[in-house]
Amino acid sequence: MSAETRKGRMFKILILASAATVLSASYAFDATSRFRETRSGAEDAGDVISASQKPEFLAYVKRRQTQSDPQLANPGLKRVSVGDVLPDSSVRYYGIPLRYGAPFYRFVVIGEVAVIVDPSTGRIIQVID
């Protein structure tokens, strides 16, 4: 293979890799910007899962047959609420599908309740009930 042919192929590979990077960055930006948009009506602007998305999200959680963490499901514990911080270890986080626009958050099942959590801090962002 000649040097010109190799250069041409390398150039095409470089262009394709650049396009893939731009497209993936664009997708990530779109997902995070949709999350940050202020929502209208009675919905809380801080909600990750909107009121209209809750039934679909809860069906998704049920289909996944996610298990509650035994340590967190203790009925003697108080009801979980926004702002509570989960323990640092042994918490099983589950990914949130990208269609909900929350790529940096995870969900956890506590008893029968799904909660949205910031996995870097363990702080509950939203309780889905």
N, C-alpha and C. Protein backbone atom coordinates (compact mmCIF):
# COMPACT_ATOMS: atom_id res chain seq x y z
N MET A 1 0.85 -1.16 0.00
CA MET A 1 0.00 0.00 0.00
C MET A 1 0.91 1.24 0.00
N SER A 2 0.55 2.19 -0.82
CA SER A 2 1.39 3.38 -0.96
C SER A 2 1.18 4.33 0.22
N ALA A 3 2.08 5.25 0.39
CA ALA A 3 2.00 6.22 1.48
C ALA A 3 0.78 7.11 1.31
N GLU A 4 0.44 7.43 0.06
CA GLU A 4 -0.74 8.27 -0.21
C GLU A 4 -2.02 7.56 0.21
N THR A 5 -2.12 6.28 -0.08
CA THR A 5 -3.30 5.50 0.28
C THR A 5 -3.44 5.42 1.80
N ARG A 6 -2.32 5.20 2.50
CA ARG A 6 -2.34 5.14 3.96
C ARG A 6 -2.75 6.48 4.55
N LYS A 7 -2.24 7.55 3.99
CA LYS A 7 -2.61 8.89 4.47
C LYS A 7 -4.10 9.14 4.28
N GLY A 8 -4.61 8.72 3.12
CA GLY A 8 -6.03 8.89 2.83
C GLY A 8 -6.90 8.12 3.81
N ARG A 9 -6.51 6.88 4.09
CA ARG A 9 -7.28 6.06 5.04
C ARG A 9 -7.20 6.64 6.45
N MET A 10 -6.03 7.07 6.84
CA MET A 10 -5.87 7.67 8.18
C MET A 10 -6.71 8.93 8.29
N PHE A 11 -6.75 9.72 7.22
CA PHE A 11 -7.55 10.93 7.22
C PHE A 11 -9.03 10.60 7.38
N LYS A 12 -9.51 9.59 6.66
CA LYS A 12 -10.91 9.18 6.77
C LYS A 12 -11.23 8.69 8.18
N ILE A 13 -10.34 7.91 8.77
CA ILE A 13 -10.53 7.40 10.13
C ILE A 13 -10.59 8.56 11.12
N LEU A 14 -9.70 9.52 10.93
CA LEU A 14 -9.67 10.69 11.80
C LEU A 14 -10.97 11.49 11.69
N ILE A 15 -11.47 11.66 10.48
CA ILE A 15 -12.73 12.39 10.27
C ILE A 15 -13.89 11.64 10.92
N LEU A 16 -13.96 10.33 10.73
CA LEU A 16 -15.04 9.54 11.34
C LEU A 16 -14.97 9.56 12.87
N ALA A 17 -13.78 9.46 13.43
CA ALA A 17 -13.62 9.51 14.88
C ALA A 17 -14.04 10.88 15.42
N SER A 18 -13.69 11.93 14.72
CA SER A 18 -14.08 13.28 15.13
C SER A 18 -15.59 13.44 15.08
N ALA A 19 -16.21 12.94 14.02
CA ALA A 19 -17.66 13.04 13.90
C ALA A 19 -18.35 12.27 15.03
N ALA A 20 -17.84 11.10 15.36
CA ALA A 20 -18.43 10.30 16.44
C ALA A 20 -18.30 11.03 17.78
N THR A 21 -17.17 11.67 18.00
CA THR A 21 -16.96 12.43 19.23
C THR A 21 -17.93 13.60 19.32
N VAL A 22 -18.09 14.33 18.24
CA VAL A 22 -18.99 15.47 18.22
C VAL A 22 -20.43 15.02 18.44
N LEU A 23 -20.84 13.94 17.79
CA LEU A 23 -22.21 13.45 17.96
C LEU A 23 -22.48 12.99 19.38
N SER A 24 -21.54 12.28 19.99
CA SER A 24 -21.75 11.81 21.35
C SER A 24 -21.76 12.97 22.34
N ALA A 25 -20.90 13.96 22.12
CA ALA A 25 -20.90 15.14 22.99
C ALA A 25 -22.21 15.91 22.83
N SER A 26 -22.69 15.99 21.61
CA SER A 26 -23.96 16.67 21.35
C SER A 26 -25.10 15.96 22.06
N TYR A 27 -25.11 14.64 22.02
CA TYR A 27 -26.15 13.87 22.69
C TYR A 27 -26.10 14.09 24.19
N ALA A 28 -24.91 14.06 24.77
CA ALA A 28 -24.76 14.26 26.22
C ALA A 28 -25.20 15.66 26.61
N PHE A 29 -24.85 16.65 25.81
CA PHE A 29 -25.26 18.02 26.09
C PHE A 29 -26.78 18.15 26.03
N ASP A 30 -27.39 17.52 25.04
CA ASP A 30 -28.84 17.58 24.91
C ASP A 30 -29.51 16.94 26.12
N ALA A 31 -29.00 15.80 26.56
CA ALA A 31 -29.59 15.11 27.72
C ALA A 31 -29.47 15.96 28.98
N THR A 32 -28.32 16.58 29.20
CA THR A 32 -28.16 17.38 30.42
C THR A 32 -28.92 18.69 30.32
N SER A 33 -29.01 19.27 29.15
CA SER A 33 -29.74 20.55 29.04
C SER A 33 -31.24 20.32 29.22
N ARG A 34 -31.77 19.18 28.75
CA ARG A 34 -33.18 18.89 28.97
C ARG A 34 -33.45 18.72 30.46
N PHE A 35 -32.49 18.15 31.17
CA PHE A 35 -32.65 17.96 32.61
C PHE A 35 -32.67 19.30 33.32
N ARG A 36 -31.87 20.24 32.88
CA ARG A 36 -31.74 21.52 33.56
C ARG A 36 -32.85 22.51 33.23
N GLU A 37 -33.63 22.22 32.20
CA GLU A 37 -34.70 23.14 31.83
C GLU A 37 -35.67 23.28 32.98
N THR A 38 -36.17 24.48 33.17
CA THR A 38 -37.18 24.70 34.19
C THR A 38 -38.50 24.18 33.67
N ARG A 39 -39.19 23.46 34.50
CA ARG A 39 -40.46 22.89 34.09
C ARG A 39 -41.59 23.77 34.55
N SER A 40 -42.67 23.76 33.82
CA SER A 40 -43.80 24.62 34.17
C SER A 40 -44.84 23.85 34.96
N GLY A 41 -45.83 24.58 35.45
CA GLY A 41 -46.93 23.95 36.17
C GLY A 41 -46.56 23.66 37.61
N ALA A 42 -47.20 22.63 38.16
CA ALA A 42 -47.03 22.31 39.58
C ALA A 42 -45.80 21.46 39.85
N GLU A 43 -45.10 21.07 38.82
CA GLU A 43 -43.93 20.22 39.01
C GLU A 43 -42.80 21.00 39.65
N ASP A 44 -42.03 20.34 40.47
CA ASP A 44 -40.87 20.94 41.09
C ASP A 44 -39.76 21.01 40.04
N ALA A 45 -39.12 22.18 39.91
CA ALA A 45 -38.07 22.35 38.91
C ALA A 45 -36.89 21.44 39.19
N GLY A 46 -36.75 20.92 40.43
CA GLY A 46 -35.65 20.04 40.78
C GLY A 46 -35.92 18.58 40.49
N ASP A 47 -37.12 18.25 40.06
CA ASP A 47 -37.45 16.85 39.78
C ASP A 47 -36.65 16.32 38.60
N VAL A 48 -36.11 15.15 38.77
CA VAL A 48 -35.41 14.47 37.69
C VAL A 48 -36.43 13.78 36.79
N ILE A 49 -37.34 13.07 37.41
CA ILE A 49 -38.42 12.38 36.69
C ILE A 49 -39.67 13.24 36.84
N SER A 50 -40.19 13.74 35.73
CA SER A 50 -41.36 14.61 35.79
C SER A 50 -42.60 13.81 36.16
N ALA A 51 -43.65 14.52 36.56
CA ALA A 51 -44.90 13.87 36.96
C ALA A 51 -45.46 13.02 35.81
N SER A 52 -45.32 13.50 34.59
CA SER A 52 -45.85 12.75 33.45
C SER A 52 -45.01 11.50 33.14
N GLN A 53 -43.74 11.49 33.57
CA GLN A 53 -42.85 10.35 33.32
C GLN A 53 -42.91 9.30 34.44
N LYS A 54 -43.47 9.65 35.59
CA LYS A 54 -43.44 8.74 36.75
C LYS A 54 -44.06 7.37 36.48
N PRO A 55 -45.27 7.29 35.88
CA PRO A 55 -45.82 5.94 35.65
C PRO A 55 -44.92 5.07 34.77
N GLU A 56 -44.37 5.66 33.71
CA GLU A 56 -43.48 4.91 32.82
C GLU A 56 -42.21 4.50 33.56
N PHE A 57 -41.65 5.40 34.37
CA PHE A 57 -40.42 5.10 35.10
C PHE A 57 -40.67 3.99 36.12
N LEU A 58 -41.78 4.07 36.86
CA LEU A 58 -42.09 3.03 37.85
C LEU A 58 -42.31 1.68 37.19
N ALA A 59 -42.91 1.68 35.99
CA ALA A 59 -43.08 0.43 35.24
C ALA A 59 -41.71 -0.13 34.84
N TYR A 60 -40.79 0.77 34.46
CA TYR A 60 -39.43 0.36 34.11
C TYR A 60 -38.74 -0.29 35.32
N VAL A 61 -38.87 0.34 36.49
CA VAL A 61 -38.26 -0.19 37.71
C VAL A 61 -38.82 -1.57 38.02
N LYS A 62 -40.14 -1.71 37.89
CA LYS A 62 -40.79 -3.00 38.17
C LYS A 62 -40.33 -4.08 37.18
N ARG A 63 -40.24 -3.72 35.89
CA ARG A 63 -39.78 -4.68 34.87
C ARG A 63 -38.37 -5.17 35.15
N ARG A 64 -37.52 -4.29 35.65
CA ARG A 64 -36.13 -4.66 35.94
C ARG A 64 -36.04 -5.59 37.14
N GLN A 65 -37.11 -5.69 37.91
CA GLN A 65 -37.14 -6.53 39.11
C GLN A 65 -35.96 -6.22 40.02
N THR A 66 -35.76 -4.93 40.24
CA THR A 66 -34.66 -4.50 41.10
C THR A 66 -34.93 -4.91 42.54
N GLN A 67 -33.87 -5.26 43.21
CA GLN A 67 -33.96 -5.69 44.60
C GLN A 67 -33.64 -4.52 45.52
N SER A 68 -34.41 -4.41 46.59
CA SER A 68 -34.14 -3.40 47.59
C SER A 68 -32.93 -3.84 48.41
N ASP A 69 -32.13 -2.90 48.82
CA ASP A 69 -31.00 -3.22 49.68
C ASP A 69 -31.54 -3.55 51.07
N PRO A 70 -31.23 -4.73 51.62
CA PRO A 70 -31.76 -5.12 52.93
C PRO A 70 -31.42 -4.09 54.02
N GLN A 71 -30.24 -3.52 53.95
CA GLN A 71 -29.79 -2.54 54.94
C GLN A 71 -30.68 -1.29 54.90
N LEU A 72 -31.19 -0.95 53.71
CA LEU A 72 -32.00 0.26 53.56
C LEU A 72 -33.48 -0.01 53.73
N ALA A 73 -33.89 -1.27 53.66
CA ALA A 73 -35.32 -1.61 53.68
C ALA A 73 -35.85 -1.88 55.08
N ASN A 74 -35.07 -1.60 56.10
CA ASN A 74 -35.49 -1.84 57.47
C ASN A 74 -36.75 -1.03 57.79
N PRO A 75 -37.87 -1.69 58.11
CA PRO A 75 -39.11 -0.96 58.36
C PRO A 75 -39.04 -0.04 59.57
N GLY A 76 -38.06 -0.23 60.45
CA GLY A 76 -37.91 0.63 61.61
C GLY A 76 -37.32 1.99 61.26
N LEU A 77 -36.75 2.11 60.08
CA LEU A 77 -36.17 3.39 59.68
C LEU A 77 -37.26 4.36 59.29
N LYS A 78 -36.94 5.64 59.42
CA LYS A 78 -37.92 6.65 59.02
C LYS A 78 -38.11 6.63 57.51
N ARG A 79 -39.17 7.25 57.07
CA ARG A 79 -39.45 7.36 55.63
C ARG A 79 -38.34 8.17 54.98
N VAL A 80 -37.91 7.74 53.81
CA VAL A 80 -36.85 8.46 53.11
C VAL A 80 -37.39 9.76 52.53
N SER A 81 -36.52 10.74 52.43
CA SER A 81 -36.95 12.01 51.86
C SER A 81 -35.78 12.66 51.12
N VAL A 82 -36.11 13.64 50.32
CA VAL A 82 -35.11 14.37 49.55
C VAL A 82 -34.11 14.99 50.52
N GLY A 83 -32.83 14.83 50.18
CA GLY A 83 -31.77 15.38 51.03
C GLY A 83 -31.12 14.35 51.92
N ASP A 84 -31.81 13.23 52.18
CA ASP A 84 -31.20 12.16 52.98
C ASP A 84 -29.97 11.65 52.24
N VAL A 85 -28.98 11.21 52.99
CA VAL A 85 -27.75 10.67 52.39
C VAL A 85 -27.68 9.18 52.70
N LEU A 86 -27.49 8.39 51.66
CA LEU A 86 -27.40 6.93 51.81
C LEU A 86 -26.00 6.55 52.29
N PRO A 87 -25.86 5.39 52.91
CA PRO A 87 -24.53 4.94 53.37
C PRO A 87 -23.54 4.84 52.21
N ASP A 88 -22.26 4.97 52.56
CA ASP A 88 -21.21 4.96 51.54
C ASP A 88 -21.04 3.60 50.87
N SER A 89 -21.29 2.53 51.60
CA SER A 89 -21.02 1.20 51.03
C SER A 89 -22.28 0.37 50.97
N SER A 90 -22.21 -0.65 50.21
CA SER A 90 -23.24 -1.69 50.03
C SER A 90 -24.58 -1.18 49.53
N VAL A 91 -24.58 -0.07 48.82
CA VAL A 91 -25.81 0.42 48.20
C VAL A 91 -25.75 0.04 46.73
N ARG A 92 -26.81 -0.59 46.25
CA ARG A 92 -26.86 -1.04 44.86
C ARG A 92 -27.56 0.03 44.01
N TYR A 93 -26.78 0.71 43.18
CA TYR A 93 -27.31 1.75 42.30
C TYR A 93 -27.67 1.13 40.95
N TYR A 94 -28.75 1.63 40.37
CA TYR A 94 -29.18 1.18 39.04
C TYR A 94 -29.20 2.38 38.11
N GLY A 95 -28.83 2.15 36.84
CA GLY A 95 -28.80 3.22 35.85
C GLY A 95 -30.20 3.68 35.44
N ILE A 96 -30.30 4.95 35.11
CA ILE A 96 -31.54 5.53 34.61
C ILE A 96 -31.42 5.63 33.10
N PRO A 97 -32.40 5.14 32.34
CA PRO A 97 -32.31 5.22 30.88
C PRO A 97 -32.14 6.67 30.41
N LEU A 98 -31.39 6.85 29.35
CA LEU A 98 -31.09 8.19 28.84
C LEU A 98 -32.33 8.98 28.45
N ARG A 99 -33.41 8.31 28.12
CA ARG A 99 -34.62 9.03 27.69
C ARG A 99 -35.19 9.92 28.78
N TYR A 100 -34.78 9.71 30.04
CA TYR A 100 -35.25 10.55 31.14
C TYR A 100 -34.35 11.77 31.34
N GLY A 101 -33.26 11.85 30.61
CA GLY A 101 -32.40 13.03 30.65
C GLY A 101 -31.64 13.23 31.95
N ALA A 102 -31.27 12.15 32.60
CA ALA A 102 -30.54 12.24 33.87
C ALA A 102 -29.34 11.30 33.85
N PRO A 103 -28.38 11.54 32.95
CA PRO A 103 -27.29 10.58 32.80
C PRO A 103 -26.34 10.48 33.98
N PHE A 104 -26.36 11.46 34.88
CA PHE A 104 -25.42 11.45 35.99
C PHE A 104 -26.01 10.93 37.29
N TYR A 105 -27.31 10.64 37.29
CA TYR A 105 -27.97 10.14 38.48
C TYR A 105 -28.26 8.65 38.34
N ARG A 106 -28.55 8.01 39.45
CA ARG A 106 -28.92 6.59 39.49
C ARG A 106 -30.17 6.47 40.35
N PHE A 107 -30.78 5.29 40.31
CA PHE A 107 -31.89 5.08 41.22
C PHE A 107 -31.60 3.91 42.13
N VAL A 108 -32.24 3.93 43.29
CA VAL A 108 -32.10 2.91 44.31
C VAL A 108 -33.52 2.55 44.75
N VAL A 109 -33.75 1.29 45.04
CA VAL A 109 -35.05 0.87 45.57
C VAL A 109 -34.88 0.67 47.07
N ILE A 110 -35.73 1.37 47.83
CA ILE A 110 -35.70 1.27 49.29
C ILE A 110 -37.09 0.80 49.70
N GLY A 111 -37.18 -0.44 50.13
CA GLY A 111 -38.50 -1.03 50.43
C GLY A 111 -39.27 -1.14 49.12
N GLU A 112 -40.36 -0.41 49.03
CA GLU A 112 -41.18 -0.40 47.81
C GLU A 112 -41.06 0.93 47.07
N VAL A 113 -40.13 1.76 47.48
CA VAL A 113 -40.01 3.11 46.92
C VAL A 113 -38.73 3.23 46.10
N ALA A 114 -38.87 3.83 44.92
CA ALA A 114 -37.69 4.13 44.09
C ALA A 114 -37.27 5.57 44.39
N VAL A 115 -35.98 5.77 44.57
CA VAL A 115 -35.46 7.12 44.81
C VAL A 115 -34.35 7.40 43.82
N ILE A 116 -34.27 8.66 43.40
CA ILE A 116 -33.20 9.10 42.50
C ILE A 116 -32.08 9.64 43.38
N VAL A 117 -30.86 9.20 43.09
CA VAL A 117 -29.72 9.52 43.94
C VAL A 117 -28.57 10.06 43.11
N ASP A 118 -27.83 11.00 43.69
CA ASP A 118 -26.57 11.43 43.10
C ASP A 118 -25.52 10.45 43.62
N PRO A 119 -25.00 9.55 42.77
CA PRO A 119 -24.11 8.50 43.28
C PRO A 119 -22.78 9.03 43.82
N SER A 120 -22.38 10.23 43.43
CA SER A 120 -21.11 10.76 43.93
C SER A 120 -21.21 11.21 45.38
N THR A 121 -22.42 11.56 45.83
CA THR A 121 -22.60 12.01 47.21
C THR A 121 -23.50 11.08 48.02
N GLY A 122 -24.31 10.25 47.33
CA GLY A 122 -25.26 9.39 48.02
C GLY A 122 -26.51 10.14 48.44
N ARG A 123 -26.64 11.39 48.04
CA ARG A 123 -27.79 12.23 48.45
C ARG A 123 -29.02 11.92 47.58
N ILE A 124 -30.16 11.76 48.24
CA ILE A 124 -31.42 11.51 47.53
C ILE A 124 -31.88 12.82 46.89
N ILE A 125 -32.12 12.78 45.59
CA ILE A 125 -32.54 13.95 44.82
C ILE A 125 -34.06 14.00 44.68
N GLN A 126 -34.67 12.81 44.55
CA GLN A 126 -36.12 12.75 44.34
C GLN A 126 -36.64 11.40 44.82
N VAL A 127 -37.81 11.42 45.44
CA VAL A 127 -38.50 10.19 45.86
C VAL A 127 -39.65 9.97 44.88
N ILE A 128 -39.67 8.81 44.25
CA ILE A 128 -40.70 8.49 43.26
C ILE A 128 -41.72 7.58 43.94
N ASP A 129 -42.92 8.10 44.15
CA ASP A 129 -43.97 7.26 44.75
C ASP A 129 -45.28 7.46 44.06
